[in-house]
Amino acid sequence: MNTDTRRFKHKELTGKVIGVFFDVYNELGHGFIESVYEKSLQHALVSIGLKACRKIEIPVRFRGQTVGHFEADMLVEDSPLIELKAVARCTRLTKRSY
């Protein structure tokens, strides 16, 4: 795993988003559906002055043709896409597990 943070394109903004995510999680706790965390995260990001848009549709192009659309959970400051997941627990995938 590469932990050299000097190479991250949106290092400062990503750091803020992660910090706000933990604030939201620590306040709400676990057990809610994804949309609750998504709306709460958007509210918290906007409250600190960041632009956060939910359910962003992005066209997917392949060899010059639009072949579909990807719906991202959130876009912050027109840069990092956020894909949220609400799960009971995370499992680690290894090469042998799939």
C-alpha atoms as a PDB file:
ATOM      1  CA  MET A   1       0.000   0.000   0.000  1.00  0.00           C
ATOM      2  CA  ASN A   2       1.374   3.388  -0.965  1.00  0.00           C
ATOM      3  CA  THR A   3       1.275   5.752   2.012  1.00  0.00           C
ATOM      4  CA  ASP A   4       3.262   8.556   0.372  1.00  0.00           C
ATOM      5  CA  THR A   5       0.698  11.368   0.763  1.00  0.00           C
ATOM      6  CA  ARG A   6       2.774  13.841  -1.272  1.00  0.00           C
ATOM      7  CA  ARG A   7       1.466  12.212  -4.459  1.00  0.00           C
ATOM      8  CA  PHE A   8      -2.251  12.585  -3.684  1.00  0.00           C
ATOM      9  CA  LYS A   9      -3.890  15.053  -6.051  1.00  0.00           C
ATOM     10  CA  HIS A  10      -6.491  16.468  -3.637  1.00  0.00           C
ATOM     11  CA  LYS A  11      -4.695  15.783  -0.350  1.00  0.00           C
ATOM     12  CA  GLU A  12      -6.014  18.776   1.646  1.00  0.00           C
ATOM     13  CA  LEU A  13      -9.624  18.420   0.482  1.00  0.00           C
ATOM     14  CA  THR A  14      -9.591  14.654   0.963  1.00  0.00           C
ATOM     15  CA  GLY A  15      -8.289  15.135   4.497  1.00  0.00           C
ATOM     16  CA  LYS A  16     -11.187  17.482   5.282  1.00  0.00           C
ATOM     17  CA  VAL A  17     -13.737  15.055   3.822  1.00  0.00           C
ATOM     18  CA  ILE A  18     -12.347  12.141   5.849  1.00  0.00           C
ATOM     19  CA  GLY A  19     -12.389  14.241   9.006  1.00  0.00           C
ATOM     20  CA  VAL A  20     -16.009  15.260   8.437  1.00  0.00           C
ATOM     21  CA  PHE A  21     -16.910  11.643   7.689  1.00  0.00           C
ATOM     22  CA  PHE A  22     -15.563  10.580  11.091  1.00  0.00           C
ATOM     23  CA  ASP A  23     -17.446  13.441  12.774  1.00  0.00           C
ATOM     24  CA  VAL A  24     -20.692  12.233  11.171  1.00  0.00           C
ATOM     25  CA  TYR A  25     -20.047   8.609  12.048  1.00  0.00           C
ATOM     26  CA  ASN A  26     -19.079   9.405  15.635  1.00  0.00           C
ATOM     27  CA  GLU A  27     -22.234  11.472  16.094  1.00  0.00           C
ATOM     28  CA  LEU A  28     -24.674   9.052  14.419  1.00  0.00           C
ATOM     29  CA  GLY A  29     -23.045   5.760  15.312  1.00  0.00           C
ATOM     30  CA  HIS A  30     -23.701   2.606  13.317  1.00  0.00           C
ATOM     31  CA  GLY A  31     -26.875   0.922  12.151  1.00  0.00           C
ATOM     32  CA  PHE A  32     -28.468   3.399   9.743  1.00  0.00           C
ATOM     33  CA  ILE A  33     -29.061   2.899   6.045  1.00  0.00           C
ATOM     34  CA  GLU A  34     -26.681   4.443   3.543  1.00  0.00           C
ATOM     35  CA  SER A  35     -28.961   7.361   2.616  1.00  0.00           C
ATOM     36  CA  VAL A  36     -28.962   8.624   6.228  1.00  0.00           C
ATOM     37  CA  TYR A  37     -25.163   8.803   6.266  1.00  0.00           C
ATOM     38  CA  GLU A  38     -25.136  10.328   2.781  1.00  0.00           C
ATOM     39  CA  LYS A  39     -27.529  13.156   3.686  1.00  0.00           C
ATOM     40  CA  SER A  40     -25.745  13.746   7.000  1.00  0.00           C
ATOM     41  CA  LEU A  41     -22.338  13.866   5.330  1.00  0.00           C
ATOM     42  CA  GLN A  42     -23.594  16.345   2.733  1.00  0.00           C
ATOM     43  CA  HIS A  43     -25.094  18.536   5.478  1.00  0.00           C
ATOM     44  CA  ALA A  44     -21.851  18.439   7.487  1.00  0.00           C
ATOM     45  CA  LEU A  45     -19.675  19.236   4.459  1.00  0.00           C
ATOM     46  CA  VAL A  46     -21.866  22.179   3.442  1.00  0.00           C
ATOM     47  CA  SER A  47     -21.838  23.450   7.026  1.00  0.00           C
ATOM     48  CA  ILE A  48     -18.047  23.874   6.865  1.00  0.00           C
ATOM     49  CA  GLY A  49     -18.286  25.727   3.552  1.00  0.00           C
ATOM     50  CA  LEU A  50     -17.678  22.946   1.045  1.00  0.00           C
ATOM     51  CA  LYS A  51     -19.784  22.351  -2.047  1.00  0.00           C
ATOM     52  CA  ALA A  52     -21.216  18.818  -1.861  1.00  0.00           C
ATOM     53  CA  CYS A  53     -23.654  17.438  -4.447  1.00  0.00           C
ATOM     54  CA  ARG A  54     -25.421  14.089  -4.090  1.00  0.00           C
ATOM     55  CA  LYS A  55     -26.387  11.542  -6.775  1.00  0.00           C
ATOM     56  CA  ILE A  56     -24.187  12.790  -9.588  1.00  0.00           C
ATOM     57  CA  GLU A  57     -24.710  11.130 -12.975  1.00  0.00           C
ATOM     58  CA  ILE A  58     -21.524  10.777 -15.002  1.00  0.00           C
ATOM     59  CA  PRO A  59     -21.571   9.603 -18.620  1.00  0.00           C
ATOM     60  CA  VAL A  60     -19.333   6.613 -19.359  1.00  0.00           C
ATOM     61  CA  ARG A  61     -17.687   6.658 -22.743  1.00  0.00           C
ATOM     62  CA  PHE A  62     -16.057   3.757 -24.533  1.00  0.00           C
ATOM     63  CA  ARG A  63     -14.235   4.239 -27.835  1.00  0.00           C
ATOM     64  CA  GLY A  64     -15.937   7.524 -28.491  1.00  0.00           C
ATOM     65  CA  GLN A  65     -19.449   6.373 -27.629  1.00  0.00           C
ATOM     66  CA  THR A  66     -21.508   6.950 -24.503  1.00  0.00           C
ATOM     67  CA  VAL A  67     -22.298   3.436 -23.285  1.00  0.00           C
ATOM     68  CA  GLY A  68     -23.980   4.224 -20.014  1.00  0.00           C
ATOM     69  CA  HIS A  69     -23.994   6.366 -16.933  1.00  0.00           C
ATOM     70  CA  PHE A  70     -22.394   5.985 -13.532  1.00  0.00           C
ATOM     71  CA  GLU A  71     -24.218   7.440 -10.542  1.00  0.00           C
ATOM     72  CA  ALA A  72     -21.784   8.578  -7.882  1.00  0.00           C
ATOM     73  CA  ASP A  73     -23.046   9.065  -4.337  1.00  0.00           C
ATOM     74  CA  MET A  74     -21.405  12.454  -3.882  1.00  0.00           C
ATOM     75  CA  LEU A  75     -19.066  14.964  -5.479  1.00  0.00           C
ATOM     76  CA  VAL A  76     -17.210  17.431  -3.248  1.00  0.00           C
ATOM     77  CA  GLU A  77     -15.879  20.729  -4.619  1.00  0.00           C
ATOM     78  CA  ASP A  78     -16.109  19.339  -8.186  1.00  0.00           C
ATOM     79  CA  SER A  79     -13.181  16.996  -7.484  1.00  0.00           C
ATOM     80  CA  PRO A  80     -13.270  13.841  -5.383  1.00  0.00           C
ATOM     81  CA  LEU A  81     -16.098  11.400  -5.938  1.00  0.00           C
ATOM     82  CA  ILE A  82     -17.386   9.702  -2.825  1.00  0.00           C
ATOM     83  CA  GLU A  83     -18.956   6.261  -2.867  1.00  0.00           C
ATOM     84  CA  LEU A  84     -20.556   5.484   0.492  1.00  0.00           C
ATOM     85  CA  LYS A  85     -21.228   2.028   1.877  1.00  0.00           C
ATOM     86  CA  ALA A  86     -23.170   1.149   4.993  1.00  0.00           C
ATOM     87  CA  VAL A  87     -22.359  -2.408   6.037  1.00  0.00           C
ATOM     88  CA  ALA A  88     -22.478  -4.400   9.240  1.00  0.00           C
ATOM     89  CA  ARG A  89     -18.799  -5.257   8.877  1.00  0.00           C
ATOM     90  CA  CYS A  90     -16.069  -5.157   6.274  1.00  0.00           C
ATOM     91  CA  THR A  91     -14.262  -8.245   5.124  1.00  0.00           C
ATOM     92  CA  ARG A  92     -10.860  -8.267   3.569  1.00  0.00           C
ATOM     93  CA  LEU A  93     -10.635  -9.811   0.136  1.00  0.00           C
ATOM     94  CA  THR A  94      -7.520 -11.723  -0.682  1.00  0.00           C
ATOM     95  CA  LYS A  95      -6.492 -13.283  -3.945  1.00  0.00           C
ATOM     96  CA  ARG A  96      -7.732 -16.672  -2.690  1.00  0.00           C
ATOM     97  CA  SER A  97     -11.149 -15.414  -1.495  1.00  0.00           C
ATOM     98  CA  TYR A  98     -12.696 -14.883  -4.918  1.00  0.00           C
END
